[in-house]
Amino acid sequence: MNYIAPLNADHLLSEAESENLYLKLIEQLNKDFNLANEGVDFPLSTNPEELKIQLHEKVYRLIQYKFAEYLNLLYIIDVNENEIKKLDGSDISELAGQVSFLILKREWQKVWFRNRL
């Protein structure tokens, strides 16, 4: 079975739900944010829409107020540096949304592969 990258956050989250891996995705996000000392606690009861909003808000605040920690988080999660460099940073809210998707995409990749082994 080949990994196919999701096109957007909604697609990714619905795929995670349909494969019964959504809770593992939340656990992976919590784990990596905590590894980066950016404690978040997305409850396992968080629905996909809330998760998207909360992740966006967290990334937005990091970009705005804690840029070094933001870069560290991207490093810990292992978000593709080339994809980050392609983003337009002129609108911080828009940028936070795009980065949130890249974070979700990388975390989903980890969960997906781990559950295929």
N, C-alpha and C. Protein backbone atom coordinates (compact mmCIF):
# COMPACT_ATOMS: atom_id res chain seq x y z
N MET A 1 0.84 -1.18 0.00
CA MET A 1 0.00 0.00 0.00
C MET A 1 0.88 1.24 0.00
N ASN A 2 0.67 2.15 -0.93
CA ASN A 2 1.50 3.34 -1.05
C ASN A 2 0.89 4.51 -0.31
N TYR A 3 1.77 5.32 0.27
CA TYR A 3 1.33 6.53 0.96
C TYR A 3 1.03 7.60 -0.08
N ILE A 4 -0.14 8.18 0.00
CA ILE A 4 -0.52 9.29 -0.90
C ILE A 4 -0.78 10.50 -0.01
N ALA A 5 -0.02 11.56 -0.23
CA ALA A 5 -0.16 12.75 0.60
C ALA A 5 -1.53 13.39 0.39
N PRO A 6 -2.19 13.75 1.48
CA PRO A 6 -3.50 14.41 1.39
C PRO A 6 -3.38 15.79 0.75
N LEU A 7 -4.47 16.25 0.14
CA LEU A 7 -4.47 17.52 -0.57
C LEU A 7 -4.68 18.71 0.36
N ASN A 8 -5.42 18.49 1.44
CA ASN A 8 -5.68 19.58 2.40
C ASN A 8 -5.98 18.98 3.77
N ALA A 9 -6.12 19.85 4.75
CA ALA A 9 -6.32 19.39 6.13
C ALA A 9 -7.62 18.60 6.28
N ASP A 10 -8.68 19.05 5.62
CA ASP A 10 -9.96 18.34 5.74
C ASP A 10 -9.84 16.92 5.20
N HIS A 11 -9.21 16.79 4.06
CA HIS A 11 -9.00 15.47 3.45
C HIS A 11 -8.16 14.59 4.38
N LEU A 12 -7.09 15.16 4.92
CA LEU A 12 -6.20 14.43 5.81
C LEU A 12 -6.95 13.93 7.04
N LEU A 13 -7.71 14.82 7.67
CA LEU A 13 -8.41 14.45 8.90
C LEU A 13 -9.50 13.43 8.64
N SER A 14 -10.19 13.54 7.51
CA SER A 14 -11.22 12.53 7.23
C SER A 14 -10.58 11.18 6.90
N GLU A 15 -9.42 11.20 6.26
CA GLU A 15 -8.70 9.96 6.00
C GLU A 15 -8.25 9.32 7.31
N ALA A 16 -7.74 10.14 8.22
CA ALA A 16 -7.32 9.63 9.53
C ALA A 16 -8.50 8.99 10.26
N GLU A 17 -9.65 9.64 10.19
CA GLU A 17 -10.85 9.09 10.84
C GLU A 17 -11.28 7.78 10.18
N SER A 18 -11.29 7.76 8.85
CA SER A 18 -11.76 6.56 8.15
C SER A 18 -10.84 5.37 8.38
N GLU A 19 -9.57 5.63 8.66
CA GLU A 19 -8.63 4.54 8.93
C GLU A 19 -8.52 4.25 10.43
N ASN A 20 -9.38 4.89 11.22
CA ASN A 20 -9.37 4.74 12.68
C ASN A 20 -8.02 5.09 13.29
N LEU A 21 -7.38 6.10 12.73
CA LEU A 21 -6.07 6.54 13.22
C LEU A 21 -6.10 7.98 13.71
N TYR A 22 -7.28 8.56 13.78
CA TYR A 22 -7.40 9.97 14.19
C TYR A 22 -6.86 10.18 15.60
N LEU A 23 -7.19 9.29 16.52
CA LEU A 23 -6.72 9.44 17.90
C LEU A 23 -5.20 9.32 17.97
N LYS A 24 -4.63 8.45 17.14
CA LYS A 24 -3.17 8.31 17.09
C LYS A 24 -2.54 9.60 16.55
N LEU A 25 -3.22 10.24 15.62
CA LEU A 25 -2.73 11.51 15.08
C LEU A 25 -2.69 12.57 16.18
N ILE A 26 -3.74 12.64 16.99
CA ILE A 26 -3.77 13.60 18.10
C ILE A 26 -2.65 13.27 19.09
N GLU A 27 -2.48 11.99 19.39
CA GLU A 27 -1.41 11.59 20.31
C GLU A 27 -0.04 11.98 19.78
N GLN A 28 0.17 11.82 18.48
CA GLN A 28 1.46 12.18 17.86
C GLN A 28 1.69 13.68 17.94
N LEU A 29 0.65 14.46 17.68
CA LEU A 29 0.77 15.92 17.80
C LEU A 29 1.14 16.31 19.23
N ASN A 30 0.42 15.77 20.20
CA ASN A 30 0.71 16.08 21.61
C ASN A 30 2.14 15.70 21.95
N LYS A 31 2.57 14.52 21.51
CA LYS A 31 3.91 14.03 21.82
C LYS A 31 4.99 14.96 21.25
N ASP A 32 4.87 15.32 19.97
CA ASP A 32 5.91 16.13 19.33
C ASP A 32 5.91 17.57 19.84
N PHE A 33 4.74 18.13 20.10
CA PHE A 33 4.70 19.48 20.67
C PHE A 33 5.36 19.48 22.05
N ASN A 34 5.10 18.45 22.83
CA ASN A 34 5.71 18.36 24.16
C ASN A 34 7.21 18.14 24.07
N LEU A 35 7.66 17.34 23.08
CA LEU A 35 9.11 17.17 22.86
C LEU A 35 9.79 18.51 22.56
N ALA A 36 9.06 19.37 21.88
CA ALA A 36 9.59 20.69 21.52
C ALA A 36 9.38 21.70 22.65
N ASN A 37 8.94 21.23 23.81
CA ASN A 37 8.65 22.11 24.95
C ASN A 37 7.60 23.17 24.63
N GLU A 38 6.70 22.82 23.77
CA GLU A 38 5.57 23.70 23.45
C GLU A 38 4.30 22.95 23.81
N GLY A 39 4.18 22.70 25.10
CA GLY A 39 3.10 21.85 25.58
C GLY A 39 1.74 22.21 25.04
N VAL A 40 1.14 21.25 24.41
CA VAL A 40 -0.27 21.35 24.03
C VAL A 40 -0.91 20.09 24.56
N ASP A 41 -2.17 20.16 24.76
CA ASP A 41 -2.89 18.98 25.18
C ASP A 41 -4.19 18.95 24.41
N PHE A 42 -4.11 18.46 23.18
CA PHE A 42 -5.34 18.31 22.41
C PHE A 42 -6.04 17.09 22.98
N PRO A 43 -7.20 17.27 23.63
CA PRO A 43 -7.90 16.10 24.18
C PRO A 43 -8.29 15.14 23.06
N LEU A 44 -8.31 13.86 23.37
CA LEU A 44 -8.69 12.87 22.36
C LEU A 44 -10.12 13.08 21.88
N SER A 45 -10.90 13.83 22.65
CA SER A 45 -12.29 14.11 22.26
C SER A 45 -12.39 15.28 21.27
N THR A 46 -11.26 15.92 20.95
CA THR A 46 -11.26 17.06 20.03
C THR A 46 -11.72 16.60 18.65
N ASN A 47 -12.72 17.29 18.10
CA ASN A 47 -13.16 16.90 16.76
C ASN A 47 -12.23 17.54 15.72
N PRO A 48 -12.25 17.02 14.49
CA PRO A 48 -11.31 17.50 13.47
C PRO A 48 -11.34 19.01 13.23
N GLU A 49 -12.53 19.59 13.23
CA GLU A 49 -12.63 21.04 12.99
C GLU A 49 -11.98 21.82 14.13
N GLU A 50 -12.24 21.40 15.37
CA GLU A 50 -11.61 22.05 16.54
C GLU A 50 -10.09 21.88 16.50
N LEU A 51 -9.64 20.69 16.12
CA LEU A 51 -8.20 20.43 16.05
C LEU A 51 -7.55 21.38 15.06
N LYS A 52 -8.15 21.54 13.90
CA LYS A 52 -7.61 22.46 12.89
C LYS A 52 -7.51 23.88 13.45
N ILE A 53 -8.57 24.34 14.11
CA ILE A 53 -8.60 25.70 14.65
C ILE A 53 -7.56 25.87 15.75
N GLN A 54 -7.50 24.92 16.68
CA GLN A 54 -6.56 25.03 17.81
C GLN A 54 -5.11 24.95 17.34
N LEU A 55 -4.85 24.09 16.37
CA LEU A 55 -3.49 23.98 15.83
C LEU A 55 -3.11 25.28 15.13
N HIS A 56 -4.02 25.82 14.35
CA HIS A 56 -3.77 27.09 13.65
C HIS A 56 -3.46 28.19 14.66
N GLU A 57 -4.25 28.28 15.73
CA GLU A 57 -4.02 29.32 16.74
C GLU A 57 -2.66 29.16 17.41
N LYS A 58 -2.30 27.92 17.73
CA LYS A 58 -1.01 27.65 18.38
C LYS A 58 0.14 28.05 17.46
N VAL A 59 0.08 27.64 16.20
CA VAL A 59 1.14 27.96 15.24
C VAL A 59 1.22 29.48 15.02
N TYR A 60 0.06 30.11 14.93
CA TYR A 60 0.01 31.57 14.76
C TYR A 60 0.73 32.27 15.91
N ARG A 61 0.42 31.86 17.15
CA ARG A 61 1.05 32.48 18.33
C ARG A 61 2.56 32.23 18.33
N LEU A 62 2.97 31.04 17.92
CA LEU A 62 4.41 30.74 17.89
C LEU A 62 5.12 31.63 16.87
N ILE A 63 4.55 31.76 15.68
CA ILE A 63 5.16 32.60 14.64
C ILE A 63 5.24 34.04 15.14
N GLN A 64 4.17 34.50 15.75
CA GLN A 64 4.05 35.89 16.17
C GLN A 64 4.96 36.23 17.37
N TYR A 65 5.00 35.34 18.36
CA TYR A 65 5.63 35.71 19.63
C TYR A 65 6.83 34.86 20.03
N LYS A 66 6.98 33.68 19.45
CA LYS A 66 8.05 32.78 19.88
C LYS A 66 8.68 32.11 18.65
N PHE A 67 9.30 32.92 17.81
CA PHE A 67 9.76 32.41 16.52
C PHE A 67 10.82 31.32 16.65
N ALA A 68 11.76 31.47 17.58
CA ALA A 68 12.80 30.43 17.76
C ALA A 68 12.15 29.10 18.16
N GLU A 69 11.15 29.16 19.03
CA GLU A 69 10.45 27.94 19.45
C GLU A 69 9.66 27.33 18.29
N TYR A 70 9.11 28.20 17.45
CA TYR A 70 8.40 27.76 16.24
C TYR A 70 9.35 26.97 15.33
N LEU A 71 10.55 27.52 15.11
CA LEU A 71 11.52 26.83 14.26
C LEU A 71 11.94 25.50 14.88
N ASN A 72 12.11 25.49 16.19
CA ASN A 72 12.45 24.25 16.89
C ASN A 72 11.35 23.21 16.73
N LEU A 73 10.11 23.64 16.83
CA LEU A 73 8.97 22.72 16.66
C LEU A 73 8.99 22.10 15.27
N LEU A 74 9.22 22.92 14.25
CA LEU A 74 9.27 22.39 12.88
C LEU A 74 10.40 21.38 12.73
N TYR A 75 11.51 21.64 13.40
CA TYR A 75 12.64 20.72 13.36
C TYR A 75 12.29 19.40 14.06
N ILE A 76 11.70 19.48 15.23
CA ILE A 76 11.33 18.28 16.01
C ILE A 76 10.33 17.42 15.21
N ILE A 77 9.34 18.09 14.63
CA ILE A 77 8.32 17.36 13.87
C ILE A 77 8.89 16.84 12.56
N ASP A 78 9.93 17.52 12.07
CA ASP A 78 10.59 17.15 10.82
C ASP A 78 9.75 17.55 9.61
N VAL A 79 9.24 18.78 9.67
CA VAL A 79 8.49 19.34 8.54
C VAL A 79 9.50 19.65 7.44
N ASN A 80 9.15 19.33 6.20
CA ASN A 80 10.03 19.53 5.07
C ASN A 80 10.42 21.01 4.91
N GLU A 81 11.71 21.28 5.05
CA GLU A 81 12.21 22.66 5.00
C GLU A 81 11.91 23.33 3.66
N ASN A 82 12.01 22.58 2.57
CA ASN A 82 11.75 23.16 1.25
C ASN A 82 10.30 23.59 1.10
N GLU A 83 9.39 22.80 1.69
CA GLU A 83 7.97 23.19 1.63
C GLU A 83 7.72 24.46 2.43
N ILE A 84 8.40 24.60 3.56
CA ILE A 84 8.26 25.81 4.39
C ILE A 84 8.78 27.02 3.61
N LYS A 85 9.91 26.87 2.95
CA LYS A 85 10.53 27.98 2.21
C LYS A 85 9.66 28.46 1.06
N LYS A 86 8.81 27.59 0.53
CA LYS A 86 7.95 27.96 -0.60
C LYS A 86 6.76 28.82 -0.17
N LEU A 87 6.47 28.85 1.12
CA LEU A 87 5.29 29.56 1.59
C LEU A 87 5.48 31.07 1.57
N ASP A 88 4.39 31.78 1.35
CA ASP A 88 4.39 33.24 1.35
C ASP A 88 4.10 33.71 2.78
N GLY A 89 5.05 34.42 3.37
CA GLY A 89 4.90 34.85 4.75
C GLY A 89 4.30 36.22 4.93
N SER A 90 3.71 36.79 3.88
CA SER A 90 3.22 38.17 3.99
C SER A 90 1.99 38.28 4.88
N ASP A 91 1.18 37.24 4.98
CA ASP A 91 0.00 37.23 5.86
C ASP A 91 0.21 36.14 6.90
N ILE A 92 0.44 36.55 8.15
CA ILE A 92 0.80 35.58 9.19
C ILE A 92 -0.32 34.57 9.43
N SER A 93 -1.56 35.00 9.37
CA SER A 93 -2.67 34.07 9.60
C SER A 93 -2.72 33.02 8.50
N GLU A 94 -2.54 33.46 7.26
CA GLU A 94 -2.52 32.54 6.13
C GLU A 94 -1.33 31.58 6.24
N LEU A 95 -0.18 32.12 6.60
CA LEU A 95 1.03 31.32 6.78
C LEU A 95 0.81 30.27 7.88
N ALA A 96 0.21 30.67 8.99
CA ALA A 96 -0.04 29.73 10.09
C ALA A 96 -0.94 28.60 9.64
N GLY A 97 -1.92 28.90 8.79
CA GLY A 97 -2.79 27.85 8.27
C GLY A 97 -2.04 26.87 7.39
N GLN A 98 -1.16 27.39 6.54
CA GLN A 98 -0.39 26.54 5.64
C GLN A 98 0.61 25.69 6.43
N VAL A 99 1.25 26.29 7.43
CA VAL A 99 2.21 25.55 8.25
C VAL A 99 1.48 24.49 9.07
N SER A 100 0.30 24.82 9.56
CA SER A 100 -0.50 23.85 10.32
C SER A 100 -0.77 22.62 9.46
N PHE A 101 -1.10 22.85 8.19
CA PHE A 101 -1.34 21.72 7.29
C PHE A 101 -0.06 20.90 7.10
N LEU A 102 1.08 21.57 6.94
CA LEU A 102 2.35 20.84 6.77
C LEU A 102 2.67 20.02 8.02
N ILE A 103 2.36 20.58 9.19
CA ILE A 103 2.57 19.84 10.44
C ILE A 103 1.66 18.63 10.47
N LEU A 104 0.39 18.83 10.18
CA LEU A 104 -0.56 17.71 10.16
C LEU A 104 -0.13 16.65 9.16
N LYS A 105 0.32 17.10 7.99
CA LYS A 105 0.73 16.17 6.94
C LYS A 105 1.90 15.30 7.40
N ARG A 106 2.89 15.93 8.05
CA ARG A 106 4.06 15.17 8.52
C ARG A 106 3.68 14.22 9.65
N GLU A 107 2.85 14.69 10.57
CA GLU A 107 2.42 13.85 11.68
C GLU A 107 1.58 12.68 11.17
N TRP A 108 0.74 12.94 10.19
CA TRP A 108 -0.08 11.89 9.61
C TRP A 108 0.80 10.85 8.93
N GLN A 109 1.83 11.32 8.24
CA GLN A 109 2.77 10.42 7.58
C GLN A 109 3.39 9.46 8.61
N LYS A 110 3.82 10.00 9.75
CA LYS A 110 4.42 9.17 10.81
C LYS A 110 3.43 8.12 11.29
N VAL A 111 2.21 8.55 11.59
CA VAL A 111 1.18 7.64 12.12
C VAL A 111 0.83 6.58 11.06
N TRP A 112 0.67 7.03 9.83
CA TRP A 112 0.28 6.13 8.74
C TRP A 112 1.33 5.03 8.55
N PHE A 113 2.61 5.45 8.45
CA PHE A 113 3.68 4.47 8.25
C PHE A 113 3.80 3.51 9.43
N ARG A 114 3.74 4.04 10.64
CA ARG A 114 3.88 3.21 11.84
C ARG A 114 2.80 2.13 11.87
N ASN A 115 1.63 2.45 11.36
CA ASN A 115 0.54 1.49 11.39
C ASN A 115 0.50 0.58 10.16
N ARG A 116 1.47 0.74 9.29
CA ARG A 116 1.59 -0.15 8.13
C ARG A 116 2.69 -1.19 8.33
N LEU A 117 3.53 -0.99 9.34
CA LEU A 117 4.66 -1.90 9.55
C LEU A 117 4.23 -3.15 10.27
